[in-house]
């Protein structure tokens, strides 16, 4: 885990999500307020079965940086809030149908999830 960082977490999550064909996965989608780490939109074939789109913000902290957990969670939630207010999300999707989740991984064991 010497050079382990957020991009590896992202690859793992995207790989697992890709097994479920109910969503289209968009990585680093550009919006007015930044780049969404993972944006899940309803696949056309399953739109009647899927209720929500998802915006997921990922963060990774080394075990030695655990003291920054609260600050990192807050930063992720602020980013999510900004993405939700972006023109592309606000006008392109039903705001009540877009869920937002921050996933913070610390070291090799702990995963924290906060949602808006």
PDB file of N, CA and C in Angstrom:
ATOM      1  N   UNK A   1       0.813  -1.212   0.000  1.00  0.00           N
ATOM      2  CA  UNK A   1       0.000   0.000   0.000  1.00  0.00           C
ATOM      3  C   UNK A   1       0.853   1.272   0.000  1.00  0.00           C
ATOM      4  N   UNK A   2       2.114   1.175  -0.352  1.00  0.00           N
ATOM      5  CA  UNK A   2       2.989   2.339  -0.275  1.00  0.00           C
ATOM      6  C   UNK A   2       2.505   3.510  -1.130  1.00  0.00           C
ATOM      7  N   UNK A   3       2.070   3.244  -2.344  1.00  0.00           N
ATOM      8  CA  UNK A   3       1.619   4.321  -3.222  1.00  0.00           C
ATOM      9  C   UNK A   3       0.106   4.308  -3.417  1.00  0.00           C
ATOM     10  N   UNK A   4      -0.588   3.637  -2.536  1.00  0.00           N
ATOM     11  CA  UNK A   4      -2.037   3.512  -2.635  1.00  0.00           C
ATOM     12  C   UNK A   4      -2.683   4.873  -2.438  1.00  0.00           C
ATOM     13  N   UNK A   5      -3.648   5.210  -3.302  1.00  0.00           N
ATOM     14  CA  UNK A   5      -4.356   6.474  -3.139  1.00  0.00           C
ATOM     15  C   UNK A   5      -5.779   6.354  -3.682  1.00  0.00           C
ATOM     16  N   UNK A   6      -6.442   7.492  -3.807  1.00  0.00           N
ATOM     17  CA  UNK A   6      -7.855   7.539  -4.165  1.00  0.00           C
ATOM     18  C   UNK A   6      -8.162   6.861  -5.500  1.00  0.00           C
ATOM     19  N   UNK A   7      -7.281   6.976  -6.456  1.00  0.00           N
ATOM     20  CA  UNK A   7      -7.580   6.403  -7.776  1.00  0.00           C
ATOM     21  C   UNK A   7      -7.744   4.881  -7.708  1.00  0.00           C
ATOM     22  N   UNK A   8      -7.042   4.219  -6.795  1.00  0.00           N
ATOM     23  CA  UNK A   8      -7.182   2.775  -6.666  1.00  0.00           C
ATOM     24  C   UNK A   8      -8.518   2.402  -6.035  1.00  0.00           C
ATOM     25  N   UNK A   9      -8.955   3.195  -5.081  1.00  0.00           N
ATOM     26  CA  UNK A   9     -10.282   2.997  -4.487  1.00  0.00           C
ATOM     27  C   UNK A   9     -11.328   3.151  -5.583  1.00  0.00           C
ATOM     28  N   UNK A  10     -11.163   4.166  -6.399  1.00  0.00           N
ATOM     29  CA  UNK A  10     -12.112   4.441  -7.474  1.00  0.00           C
ATOM     30  C   UNK A  10     -12.179   3.279  -8.461  1.00  0.00           C
ATOM     31  N   UNK A  11     -11.043   2.735  -8.851  1.00  0.00           N
ATOM     32  CA  UNK A  11     -11.017   1.610  -9.783  1.00  0.00           C
ATOM     33  C   UNK A  11     -11.769   0.419  -9.188  1.00  0.00           C
ATOM     34  N   UNK A  12     -11.554   0.149  -7.922  1.00  0.00           N
ATOM     35  CA  UNK A  12     -12.234  -0.969  -7.265  1.00  0.00           C
ATOM     36  C   UNK A  12     -13.746  -0.748  -7.261  1.00  0.00           C
ATOM     37  N   UNK A  13     -14.175   0.444  -6.862  1.00  0.00           N
ATOM     38  CA  UNK A  13     -15.610   0.737  -6.787  1.00  0.00           C
ATOM     39  C   UNK A  13     -16.253   0.708  -8.170  1.00  0.00           C
ATOM     40  N   UNK A  14     -15.617   1.328  -9.157  1.00  0.00           N
ATOM     41  CA  UNK A  14     -16.176   1.332 -10.512  1.00  0.00           C
ATOM     42  C   UNK A  14     -16.262  -0.087 -11.066  1.00  0.00           C
ATOM     43  N   UNK A  15     -15.270  -0.895 -10.801  1.00  0.00           N
ATOM     44  CA  UNK A  15     -15.293  -2.290 -11.258  1.00  0.00           C
ATOM     45  C   UNK A  15     -16.482  -3.037 -10.656  1.00  0.00           C
ATOM     46  N   UNK A  16     -16.695  -2.865  -9.370  1.00  0.00           N
ATOM     47  CA  UNK A  16     -17.827  -3.534  -8.716  1.00  0.00           C
ATOM     48  C   UNK A  16     -19.161  -2.997  -9.221  1.00  0.00           C
ATOM     49  N   UNK A  17     -19.264  -1.677  -9.385  1.00  0.00           N
ATOM     50  CA  UNK A  17     -20.510  -1.083  -9.873  1.00  0.00           C
ATOM     51  C   UNK A  17     -20.813  -1.498 -11.305  1.00  0.00           C
ATOM     52  N   UNK A  18     -19.798  -1.734 -12.084  1.00  0.00           N
ATOM     53  CA  UNK A  18     -19.983  -2.079 -13.491  1.00  0.00           C
ATOM     54  C   UNK A  18     -20.663  -3.435 -13.673  1.00  0.00           C
ATOM     55  N   UNK A  19     -20.636  -4.275 -12.640  1.00  0.00           N
ATOM     56  CA  UNK A  19     -21.309  -5.568 -12.724  1.00  0.00           C
ATOM     57  C   UNK A  19     -22.829  -5.413 -12.724  1.00  0.00           C
ATOM     58  N   UNK A  20     -23.307  -4.286 -12.202  1.00  0.00           N
ATOM     59  CA  UNK A  20     -24.728  -4.001 -12.166  1.00  0.00           C
ATOM     60  C   UNK A  20     -25.059  -3.134 -13.374  1.00  0.00           C
ATOM     61  N   UNK A  21     -25.829  -3.645 -14.287  1.00  0.00           N
ATOM     62  CA  UNK A  21     -26.115  -2.940 -15.543  1.00  0.00           C
ATOM     63  C   UNK A  21     -27.274  -1.949 -15.426  1.00  0.00           C
ATOM     64  N   UNK A  22     -27.769  -1.716 -14.204  1.00  0.00           N
ATOM     65  CA  UNK A  22     -28.884  -0.788 -14.022  1.00  0.00           C
ATOM     66  C   UNK A  22     -28.449   0.671 -14.083  1.00  0.00           C
ATOM     67  N   UNK A  23     -27.147   0.900 -13.956  1.00  0.00           N
ATOM     68  CA  UNK A  23     -26.610   2.257 -13.987  1.00  0.00           C
ATOM     69  C   UNK A  23     -25.549   2.393 -15.073  1.00  0.00           C
ATOM     70  N   UNK A  24     -25.463   3.600 -15.602  1.00  0.00           N
ATOM     71  CA  UNK A  24     -24.353   3.972 -16.469  1.00  0.00           C
ATOM     72  C   UNK A  24     -23.377   4.724 -15.580  1.00  0.00           C
ATOM     73  N   UNK A  25     -22.114   4.332 -15.612  1.00  0.00           N
ATOM     74  CA  UNK A  25     -21.102   4.927 -14.748  1.00  0.00           C
ATOM     75  C   UNK A  25     -20.350   5.999 -15.516  1.00  0.00           C
ATOM     76  N   UNK A  26     -20.310   7.172 -14.933  1.00  0.00           N
ATOM     77  CA  UNK A  26     -19.578   8.287 -15.531  1.00  0.00           C
ATOM     78  C   UNK A  26     -18.517   8.720 -14.521  1.00  0.00           C
ATOM     79  N   UNK A  27     -17.267   8.588 -14.895  1.00  0.00           N
ATOM     80  CA  UNK A  27     -16.157   8.939 -14.005  1.00  0.00           C
ATOM     81  C   UNK A  27     -15.610  10.306 -14.387  1.00  0.00           C
ATOM     82  N   UNK A  28     -15.415  11.144 -13.366  1.00  0.00           N
ATOM     83  CA  UNK A  28     -14.867  12.496 -13.569  1.00  0.00           C
ATOM     84  C   UNK A  28     -15.732  13.341 -14.496  1.00  0.00           C
ATOM     85  N   UNK A  29     -17.032  13.241 -14.316  1.00  0.00           N
ATOM     86  CA  UNK A  29     -17.952  14.048 -15.121  1.00  0.00           C
ATOM     87  C   UNK A  29     -17.756  15.524 -14.765  1.00  0.00           C
ATOM     88  N   UNK A  30     -17.555  16.326 -15.782  1.00  0.00           N
ATOM     89  CA  UNK A  30     -17.338  17.750 -15.568  1.00  0.00           C
ATOM     90  C   UNK A  30     -18.673  18.452 -15.398  1.00  0.00           C
ATOM     91  N   UNK A  31     -18.768  19.217 -14.330  1.00  0.00           N
ATOM     92  CA  UNK A  31     -19.925  20.068 -14.086  1.00  0.00           C
ATOM     93  C   UNK A  31     -19.404  21.453 -13.728  1.00  0.00           C
ATOM     94  N   UNK A  32     -20.294  22.381 -13.637  1.00  0.00           N
ATOM     95  CA  UNK A  32     -19.939  23.772 -13.370  1.00  0.00           C
ATOM     96  C   UNK A  32     -19.044  23.930 -12.141  1.00  0.00           C
ATOM     97  N   UNK A  33     -19.290  23.150 -11.119  1.00  0.00           N
ATOM     98  CA  UNK A  33     -18.574  23.305  -9.855  1.00  0.00           C
ATOM     99  C   UNK A  33     -17.482  22.270  -9.630  1.00  0.00           C
ATOM    100  N   UNK A  34     -16.977  21.643 -10.696  1.00  0.00           N
ATOM    101  CA  UNK A  34     -15.879  20.695 -10.531  1.00  0.00           C
ATOM    102  C   UNK A  34     -16.073  19.422 -11.327  1.00  0.00           C
ATOM    103  N   UNK A  35     -15.465  18.358 -10.830  1.00  0.00           N
ATOM    104  CA  UNK A  35     -15.527  17.050 -11.481  1.00  0.00           C
ATOM    105  C   UNK A  35     -16.065  16.030 -10.491  1.00  0.00           C
ATOM    106  N   UNK A  36     -17.150  15.383 -10.869  1.00  0.00           N
ATOM    107  CA  UNK A  36     -17.763  14.371 -10.013  1.00  0.00           C
ATOM    108  C   UNK A  36     -16.937  13.091 -10.117  1.00  0.00           C
ATOM    109  N   UNK A  37     -16.516  12.548  -8.981  1.00  0.00           N
ATOM    110  CA  UNK A  37     -15.710  11.322  -9.005  1.00  0.00           C
ATOM    111  C   UNK A  37     -16.450  10.191  -9.706  1.00  0.00           C
ATOM    112  N   UNK A  38     -17.649   9.881  -9.223  1.00  0.00           N
ATOM    113  CA  UNK A  38     -18.465   8.843  -9.849  1.00  0.00           C
ATOM    114  C   UNK A  38     -19.900   9.352  -9.921  1.00  0.00           C
ATOM    115  N   UNK A  39     -20.453   9.352 -11.128  1.00  0.00           N
ATOM    116  CA  UNK A  39     -21.839   9.764 -11.330  1.00  0.00           C
ATOM    117  C   UNK A  39     -22.579   8.586 -11.939  1.00  0.00           C
ATOM    118  N   UNK A  40     -23.581   8.107 -11.236  1.00  0.00           N
ATOM    119  CA  UNK A  40     -24.372   6.971 -11.698  1.00  0.00           C
ATOM    120  C   UNK A  40     -25.715   7.472 -12.222  1.00  0.00           C
ATOM    121  N   UNK A  41     -25.981   7.211 -13.487  1.00  0.00           N
ATOM    122  CA  UNK A  41     -27.266   7.583 -14.071  1.00  0.00           C
ATOM    123  C   UNK A  41     -28.007   6.313 -14.461  1.00  0.00           C
ATOM    124  N   UNK A  42     -29.304   6.423 -14.527  1.00  0.00           N
ATOM    125  CA  UNK A  42     -30.135   5.262 -14.853  1.00  0.00           C
ATOM    126  C   UNK A  42     -29.835   4.777 -16.267  1.00  0.00           C
ATOM    127  N   UNK A  43     -29.638   3.481 -16.416  1.00  0.00           N
ATOM    128  CA  UNK A  43     -29.511   2.903 -17.750  1.00  0.00           C
ATOM    129  C   UNK A  43     -30.893   2.920 -18.398  1.00  0.00           C
ATOM    130  N   UNK A  44     -30.953   3.236 -19.655  1.00  0.00           N
ATOM    131  CA  UNK A  44     -32.232   3.371 -20.363  1.00  0.00           C
ATOM    132  C   UNK A  44     -33.082   2.118 -20.213  1.00  0.00           C
ATOM    133  N   UNK A  45     -32.469   0.954 -20.326  1.00  0.00           N
ATOM    134  CA  UNK A  45     -33.253  -0.290 -20.249  1.00  0.00           C
ATOM    135  C   UNK A  45     -33.867  -0.550 -18.879  1.00  0.00           C
ATOM    136  N   UNK A  46     -33.327   0.104 -17.840  1.00  0.00           N
ATOM    137  CA  UNK A  46     -33.811  -0.156 -16.476  1.00  0.00           C
ATOM    138  C   UNK A  46     -34.428   1.077 -15.821  1.00  0.00           C
ATOM    139  N   UNK A  47     -34.667   2.136 -16.581  1.00  0.00           N
ATOM    140  CA  UNK A  47     -35.106   3.400 -15.962  1.00  0.00           C
ATOM    141  C   UNK A  47     -36.390   3.276 -15.154  1.00  0.00           C
ATOM    142  N   UNK A  48     -37.260   2.359 -15.530  1.00  0.00           N
ATOM    143  CA  UNK A  48     -38.506   2.196 -14.769  1.00  0.00           C
ATOM    144  C   UNK A  48     -38.286   1.473 -13.434  1.00  0.00           C
ATOM    145  N   UNK A  49     -37.139   0.836 -13.279  1.00  0.00           N
ATOM    146  CA  UNK A  49     -36.849   0.090 -12.059  1.00  0.00           C
ATOM    147  C   UNK A  49     -35.918   0.832 -11.101  1.00  0.00           C
ATOM    148  N   UNK A  50     -35.295   1.894 -11.575  1.00  0.00           N
ATOM    149  CA  UNK A  50     -34.305   2.622 -10.780  1.00  0.00           C
ATOM    150  C   UNK A  50     -34.897   3.973 -10.372  1.00  0.00           C
ATOM    151  N   UNK A  51     -34.867   4.246  -9.087  1.00  0.00           N
ATOM    152  CA  UNK A  51     -35.461   5.483  -8.588  1.00  0.00           C
ATOM    153  C   UNK A  51     -34.503   6.667  -8.556  1.00  0.00           C
ATOM    154  N   UNK A  52     -33.213   6.423  -8.377  1.00  0.00           N
ATOM    155  CA  UNK A  52     -32.292   7.528  -8.114  1.00  0.00           C
ATOM    156  C   UNK A  52     -31.050   7.496  -8.994  1.00  0.00           C
ATOM    157  N   UNK A  53     -30.526   8.683  -9.251  1.00  0.00           N
ATOM    158  CA  UNK A  53     -29.189   8.842  -9.775  1.00  0.00           C
ATOM    159  C   UNK A  53     -28.295   9.073  -8.552  1.00  0.00           C
ATOM    160  N   UNK A  54     -26.981   8.859  -8.691  1.00  0.00           N
ATOM    161  CA  UNK A  54     -26.067   9.008  -7.558  1.00  0.00           C
ATOM    162  C   UNK A  54     -24.847   9.828  -7.930  1.00  0.00           C
ATOM    163  N   UNK A  55     -24.483  10.741  -7.039  1.00  0.00           N
ATOM    164  CA  UNK A  55     -23.211  11.456  -7.129  1.00  0.00           C
ATOM    165  C   UNK A  55     -22.367  10.946  -5.964  1.00  0.00           C
ATOM    166  N   UNK A  56     -21.189  10.420  -6.279  1.00  0.00           N
ATOM    167  CA  UNK A  56     -20.326   9.850  -5.239  1.00  0.00           C
ATOM    168  C   UNK A  56     -18.984  10.576  -5.250  1.00  0.00           C
ATOM    169  N   UNK A  57     -18.616  11.080  -4.102  1.00  0.00           N
ATOM    170  CA  UNK A  57     -17.316  11.738  -3.921  1.00  0.00           C
ATOM    171  C   UNK A  57     -16.444  10.808  -3.089  1.00  0.00           C
ATOM    172  N   UNK A  58     -15.260  10.501  -3.600  1.00  0.00           N
ATOM    173  CA  UNK A  58     -14.346   9.591  -2.913  1.00  0.00           C
ATOM    174  C   UNK A  58     -13.184  10.352  -2.296  1.00  0.00           C
ATOM    175  N   UNK A  59     -12.770   9.892  -1.136  1.00  0.00           N
ATOM    176  CA  UNK A  59     -11.582  10.427  -0.470  1.00  0.00           C
ATOM    177  C   UNK A  59     -10.821   9.258   0.140  1.00  0.00           C
ATOM    178  N   UNK A  60      -9.515   9.383   0.146  1.00  0.00           N
ATOM    179  CA  UNK A  60      -8.673   8.363   0.772  1.00  0.00           C
ATOM    180  C   UNK A  60      -7.670   9.043   1.699  1.00  0.00           C
ATOM    181  N   UNK A  61      -7.553   8.505   2.898  1.00  0.00           N
ATOM    182  CA  UNK A  61      -6.565   8.985   3.861  1.00  0.00           C
ATOM    183  C   UNK A  61      -5.689   7.821   4.285  1.00  0.00           C
ATOM    184  N   UNK A  62      -4.404   8.077   4.375  1.00  0.00           N
ATOM    185  CA  UNK A  62      -3.509   7.067   4.942  1.00  0.00           C
ATOM    186  C   UNK A  62      -3.811   6.971   6.429  1.00  0.00           C
ATOM    187  N   UNK A  63      -3.508   5.844   6.998  1.00  0.00           N
ATOM    188  CA  UNK A  63      -3.744   5.654   8.432  1.00  0.00           C
ATOM    189  C   UNK A  63      -3.078   6.753   9.252  1.00  0.00           C
ATOM    190  N   UNK A  64      -1.924   7.189   8.828  1.00  0.00           N
ATOM    191  CA  UNK A  64      -1.200   8.234   9.560  1.00  0.00           C
ATOM    192  C   UNK A  64      -1.899   9.595   9.490  1.00  0.00           C
ATOM    193  N   UNK A  65      -2.849   9.757   8.557  1.00  0.00           N
ATOM    194  CA  UNK A  65      -3.590  11.018   8.415  1.00  0.00           C
ATOM    195  C   UNK A  65      -4.993  10.945   9.006  1.00  0.00           C
ATOM    196  N   UNK A  66      -5.264   9.910   9.805  1.00  0.00           N
ATOM    197  CA  UNK A  66      -6.598   9.713  10.366  1.00  0.00           C
ATOM    198  C   UNK A  66      -7.128  10.953  11.087  1.00  0.00           C
ATOM    199  N   UNK A  67      -6.239  11.735  11.672  1.00  0.00           N
ATOM    200  CA  UNK A  67      -6.668  12.943  12.412  1.00  0.00           C
ATOM    201  C   UNK A  67      -7.373  13.956  11.500  1.00  0.00           C
ATOM    202  N   UNK A  68      -7.208  13.811  10.204  1.00  0.00           N
ATOM    203  CA  UNK A  68      -7.850  14.713   9.233  1.00  0.00           C
ATOM    204  C   UNK A  68      -9.211  14.191   8.767  1.00  0.00           C
ATOM    205  N   UNK A  69      -9.720  13.137   9.395  1.00  0.00           N
ATOM    206  CA  UNK A  69     -10.955  12.502   8.943  1.00  0.00           C
ATOM    207  C   UNK A  69     -12.136  13.466   8.916  1.00  0.00           C
ATOM    208  N   UNK A  70     -12.384  14.173  10.010  1.00  0.00           N
ATOM    209  CA  UNK A  70     -13.537  15.082  10.058  1.00  0.00           C
ATOM    210  C   UNK A  70     -13.417  16.184   9.007  1.00  0.00           C
ATOM    211  N   UNK A  71     -12.237  16.728   8.874  1.00  0.00           N
ATOM    212  CA  UNK A  71     -11.993  17.778   7.877  1.00  0.00           C
ATOM    213  C   UNK A  71     -12.215  17.236   6.454  1.00  0.00           C
ATOM    214  N   UNK A  72     -11.762  16.036   6.205  1.00  0.00           N
ATOM    215  CA  UNK A  72     -11.907  15.418   4.878  1.00  0.00           C
ATOM    216  C   UNK A  72     -13.366  15.124   4.577  1.00  0.00           C
ATOM    217  N   UNK A  73     -14.102  14.610   5.572  1.00  0.00           N
ATOM    218  CA  UNK A  73     -15.540  14.361   5.392  1.00  0.00           C
ATOM    219  C   UNK A  73     -16.269  15.662   5.059  1.00  0.00           C
ATOM    220  N   UNK A  74     -15.945  16.720   5.800  1.00  0.00           N
ATOM    221  CA  UNK A  74     -16.588  18.014   5.570  1.00  0.00           C
ATOM    222  C   UNK A  74     -16.283  18.535   4.159  1.00  0.00           C
ATOM    223  N   UNK A  75     -15.048  18.397   3.746  1.00  0.00           N
ATOM    224  CA  UNK A  75     -14.654  18.826   2.399  1.00  0.00           C
ATOM    225  C   UNK A  75     -15.441  18.049   1.336  1.00  0.00           C
ATOM    226  N   UNK A  76     -15.576  16.755   1.523  1.00  0.00           N
ATOM    227  CA  UNK A  76     -16.314  15.921   0.566  1.00  0.00           C
ATOM    228  C   UNK A  76     -17.783  16.329   0.510  1.00  0.00           C
ATOM    229  N   UNK A  77     -18.381  16.603   1.666  1.00  0.00           N
ATOM    230  CA  UNK A  77     -19.788  17.016   1.698  1.00  0.00           C
ATOM    231  C   UNK A  77     -19.982  18.369   1.022  1.00  0.00           C
ATOM    232  N   UNK A  78     -19.035  19.278   1.203  1.00  0.00           N
ATOM    233  CA  UNK A  78     -19.112  20.578   0.527  1.00  0.00           C
ATOM    234  C   UNK A  78     -19.008  20.408  -0.990  1.00  0.00           C
ATOM    235  N   UNK A  79     -18.124  19.523  -1.419  1.00  0.00           N
ATOM    236  CA  UNK A  79     -18.005  19.255  -2.852  1.00  0.00           C
ATOM    237  C   UNK A  79     -19.306  18.686  -3.404  1.00  0.00           C
ATOM    238  N   UNK A  80     -19.896  17.735  -2.683  1.00  0.00           N
ATOM    239  CA  UNK A  80     -21.166  17.147  -3.117  1.00  0.00           C
ATOM    240  C   UNK A  80     -22.259  18.199  -3.239  1.00  0.00           C
ATOM    241  N   UNK A  81     -22.318  19.069  -2.269  1.00  0.00           N
ATOM    242  CA  UNK A  81     -23.318  20.129  -2.285  1.00  0.00           C
ATOM    243  C   UNK A  81     -23.129  21.015  -3.519  1.00  0.00           C
ATOM    244  N   UNK A  82     -21.897  21.362  -3.806  1.00  0.00           N
ATOM    245  CA  UNK A  82     -21.598  22.176  -4.981  1.00  0.00           C
ATOM    246  C   UNK A  82     -21.960  21.477  -6.278  1.00  0.00           C
ATOM    247  N   UNK A  83     -21.677  20.185  -6.365  1.00  0.00           N
ATOM    248  CA  UNK A  83     -22.026  19.437  -7.576  1.00  0.00           C
ATOM    249  C   UNK A  83     -23.537  19.426  -7.777  1.00  0.00           C
ATOM    250  N   UNK A  84     -24.275  19.253  -6.691  1.00  0.00           N
ATOM    251  CA  UNK A  84     -25.732  19.224  -6.771  1.00  0.00           C
ATOM    252  C   UNK A  84     -26.320  20.542  -7.229  1.00  0.00           C
ATOM    253  N   UNK A  85     -25.611  21.628  -6.969  1.00  0.00           N
ATOM    254  CA  UNK A  85     -26.078  22.956  -7.380  1.00  0.00           C
ATOM    255  C   UNK A  85     -25.597  23.338  -8.778  1.00  0.00           C
ATOM    256  N   UNK A  86     -24.783  22.510  -9.383  1.00  0.00           N
ATOM    257  CA  UNK A  86     -24.274  22.791 -10.721  1.00  0.00           C
ATOM    258  C   UNK A  86     -25.421  22.831 -11.721  1.00  0.00           C
ATOM    259  N   UNK A  87     -25.273  23.678 -12.684  1.00  0.00           N
ATOM    260  CA  UNK A  87     -26.286  23.834 -13.727  1.00  0.00           C
ATOM    261  C   UNK A  87     -26.606  22.498 -14.401  1.00  0.00           C
ATOM    262  N   UNK A  88     -25.584  21.728 -14.713  1.00  0.00           N
ATOM    263  CA  UNK A  88     -25.783  20.466 -15.433  1.00  0.00           C
ATOM    264  C   UNK A  88     -26.627  19.471 -14.636  1.00  0.00           C
ATOM    265  N   UNK A  89     -26.467  19.468 -13.348  1.00  0.00           N
ATOM    266  CA  UNK A  89     -27.238  18.549 -12.499  1.00  0.00           C
ATOM    267  C   UNK A  89     -28.617  19.134 -12.216  1.00  0.00           C
ATOM    268  N   UNK A  90     -28.656  20.415 -11.883  1.00  0.00           N
ATOM    269  CA  UNK A  90     -29.909  21.080 -11.548  1.00  0.00           C
ATOM    270  C   UNK A  90     -30.905  21.039 -12.704  1.00  0.00           C
ATOM    271  N   UNK A  91     -30.438  21.282 -13.907  1.00  0.00           N
ATOM    272  CA  UNK A  91     -31.334  21.341 -15.069  1.00  0.00           C
ATOM    273  C   UNK A  91     -31.523  19.990 -15.749  1.00  0.00           C
ATOM    274  N   UNK A  92     -30.539  19.098 -15.607  1.00  0.00           N
ATOM    275  CA  UNK A  92     -30.605  17.835 -16.328  1.00  0.00           C
ATOM    276  C   UNK A  92     -31.292  16.699 -15.587  1.00  0.00           C
ATOM    277  N   UNK A  93     -31.469  16.859 -14.279  1.00  0.00           N
ATOM    278  CA  UNK A  93     -32.013  15.769 -13.471  1.00  0.00           C
ATOM    279  C   UNK A  93     -32.985  16.313 -12.438  1.00  0.00           C
ATOM    280  N   UNK A  94     -33.906  15.477 -12.009  1.00  0.00           N
ATOM    281  CA  UNK A  94     -34.827  15.831 -10.940  1.00  0.00           C
ATOM    282  C   UNK A  94     -34.041  15.846  -9.631  1.00  0.00           C
ATOM    283  N   UNK A  95     -33.878  17.015  -9.046  1.00  0.00           N
ATOM    284  CA  UNK A  95     -33.080  17.169  -7.829  1.00  0.00           C
ATOM    285  C   UNK A  95     -33.478  16.245  -6.696  1.00  0.00           C
ATOM    286  N   UNK A  96     -34.754  15.877  -6.623  1.00  0.00           N
ATOM    287  CA  UNK A  96     -35.212  14.980  -5.569  1.00  0.00           C
ATOM    288  C   UNK A  96     -34.815  13.537  -5.852  1.00  0.00           C
ATOM    289  N   UNK A  97     -34.386  13.287  -7.072  1.00  0.00           N
ATOM    290  CA  UNK A  97     -34.026  11.927  -7.475  1.00  0.00           C
ATOM    291  C   UNK A  97     -32.518  11.741  -7.614  1.00  0.00           C
ATOM    292  N   UNK A  98     -31.741  12.718  -7.149  1.00  0.00           N
ATOM    293  CA  UNK A  98     -30.283  12.600  -7.179  1.00  0.00           C
ATOM    294  C   UNK A  98     -29.799  12.480  -5.740  1.00  0.00           C
ATOM    295  N   UNK A  99     -29.237  11.339  -5.413  1.00  0.00           N
ATOM    296  CA  UNK A  99     -28.663  11.108  -4.081  1.00  0.00           C
ATOM    297  C   UNK A  99     -27.179  11.434  -4.133  1.00  0.00           C
ATOM    298  N   UNK A 100     -26.639  11.892  -3.012  1.00  0.00           N
ATOM    299  CA  UNK A 100     -25.222  12.245  -2.940  1.00  0.00           C
ATOM    300  C   UNK A 100     -24.589  11.514  -1.757  1.00  0.00           C
ATOM    301  N   UNK A 101     -23.424  10.907  -2.017  1.00  0.00           N
ATOM    302  CA  UNK A 101     -22.737  10.170  -0.957  1.00  0.00           C
ATOM    303  C   UNK A 101     -21.242  10.463  -0.995  1.00  0.00           C
ATOM    304  N   UNK A 102     -20.685  10.681   0.193  1.00  0.00           N
ATOM    305  CA  UNK A 102     -19.236  10.838   0.349  1.00  0.00           C
ATOM    306  C   UNK A 102     -18.704   9.546   0.950  1.00  0.00           C
ATOM    307  N   UNK A 103     -17.690   8.995   0.310  1.00  0.00           N
ATOM    308  CA  UNK A 103     -17.066   7.767   0.793  1.00  0.00           C
ATOM    309  C   UNK A 103     -15.618   8.101   1.135  1.00  0.00           C
ATOM    310  N   UNK A 104     -15.277   7.947   2.412  1.00  0.00           N
ATOM    311  CA  UNK A 104     -13.913   8.222   2.863  1.00  0.00           C
ATOM    312  C   UNK A 104     -13.324   6.915   3.367  1.00  0.00           C
ATOM    313  N   UNK A 105     -12.225   6.514   2.746  1.00  0.00           N
ATOM    314  CA  UNK A 105     -11.525   5.297   3.130  1.00  0.00           C
ATOM    315  C   UNK A 105     -10.271   5.703   3.890  1.00  0.00           C
ATOM    316  N   UNK A 106     -10.086   5.095   5.071  1.00  0.00           N
ATOM    317  CA  UNK A 106      -8.906   5.382   5.883  1.00  0.00           C
ATOM    318  C   UNK A 106      -8.093   4.104   6.018  1.00  0.00           C
ATOM    319  N   UNK A 107      -6.861   4.178   5.534  1.00  0.00           N
ATOM    320  CA  UNK A 107      -5.987   3.012   5.611  1.00  0.00           C
ATOM    321  C   UNK A 107      -6.543   1.845   4.834  1.00  0.00           C
ATOM    322  N   UNK A 108      -6.374   0.634   5.372  1.00  0.00           N
ATOM    323  CA  UNK A 108      -6.869  -0.536   4.668  1.00  0.00           C
ATOM    324  C   UNK A 108      -8.108  -1.156   5.280  1.00  0.00           C
ATOM    325  N   UNK A 109      -8.640  -0.573   6.344  1.00  0.00           N
ATOM    326  CA  UNK A 109      -9.757  -1.220   7.018  1.00  0.00           C
ATOM    327  C   UNK A 109     -11.031  -0.396   7.101  1.00  0.00           C
ATOM    328  N   UNK A 110     -10.924   0.896   7.277  1.00  0.00           N
ATOM    329  CA  UNK A 110     -12.097   1.698   7.626  1.00  0.00           C
ATOM    330  C   UNK A 110     -12.678   2.455   6.446  1.00  0.00           C
ATOM    331  N   UNK A 111     -14.008   2.377   6.327  1.00  0.00           N
ATOM    332  CA  UNK A 111     -14.740   3.092   5.292  1.00  0.00           C
ATOM    333  C   UNK A 111     -15.857   3.870   5.976  1.00  0.00           C
ATOM    334  N   UNK A 112     -15.923   5.152   5.692  1.00  0.00           N
ATOM    335  CA  UNK A 112     -16.963   6.020   6.254  1.00  0.00           C
ATOM    336  C   UNK A 112     -17.807   6.557   5.112  1.00  0.00           C
ATOM    337  N   UNK A 113     -19.128   6.487   5.284  1.00  0.00           N
ATOM    338  CA  UNK A 113     -20.041   6.974   4.250  1.00  0.00           C
ATOM    339  C   UNK A 113     -20.965   8.001   4.881  1.00  0.00           C
ATOM    340  N   UNK A 114     -21.047   9.155   4.243  1.00  0.00           N
ATOM    341  CA  UNK A 114     -21.976  10.215   4.679  1.00  0.00           C
ATOM    342  C   UNK A 114     -22.812  10.574   3.464  1.00  0.00           C
ATOM    343  N   UNK A 115     -24.078  10.865   3.659  1.00  0.00           N
ATOM    344  CA  UNK A 115     -24.901  11.235   2.528  1.00  0.00           C
ATOM    345  C   UNK A 115     -25.629  12.557   2.771  1.00  0.00           C
ATOM    346  N   UNK A 116     -26.017  13.170   1.676  1.00  0.00           N
ATOM    347  CA  UNK A 116     -26.783  14.428   1.728  1.00  0.00           C
ATOM    348  C   UNK A 116     -28.183  14.151   1.237  1.00  0.00           C
TER     349      UNK A 116
END
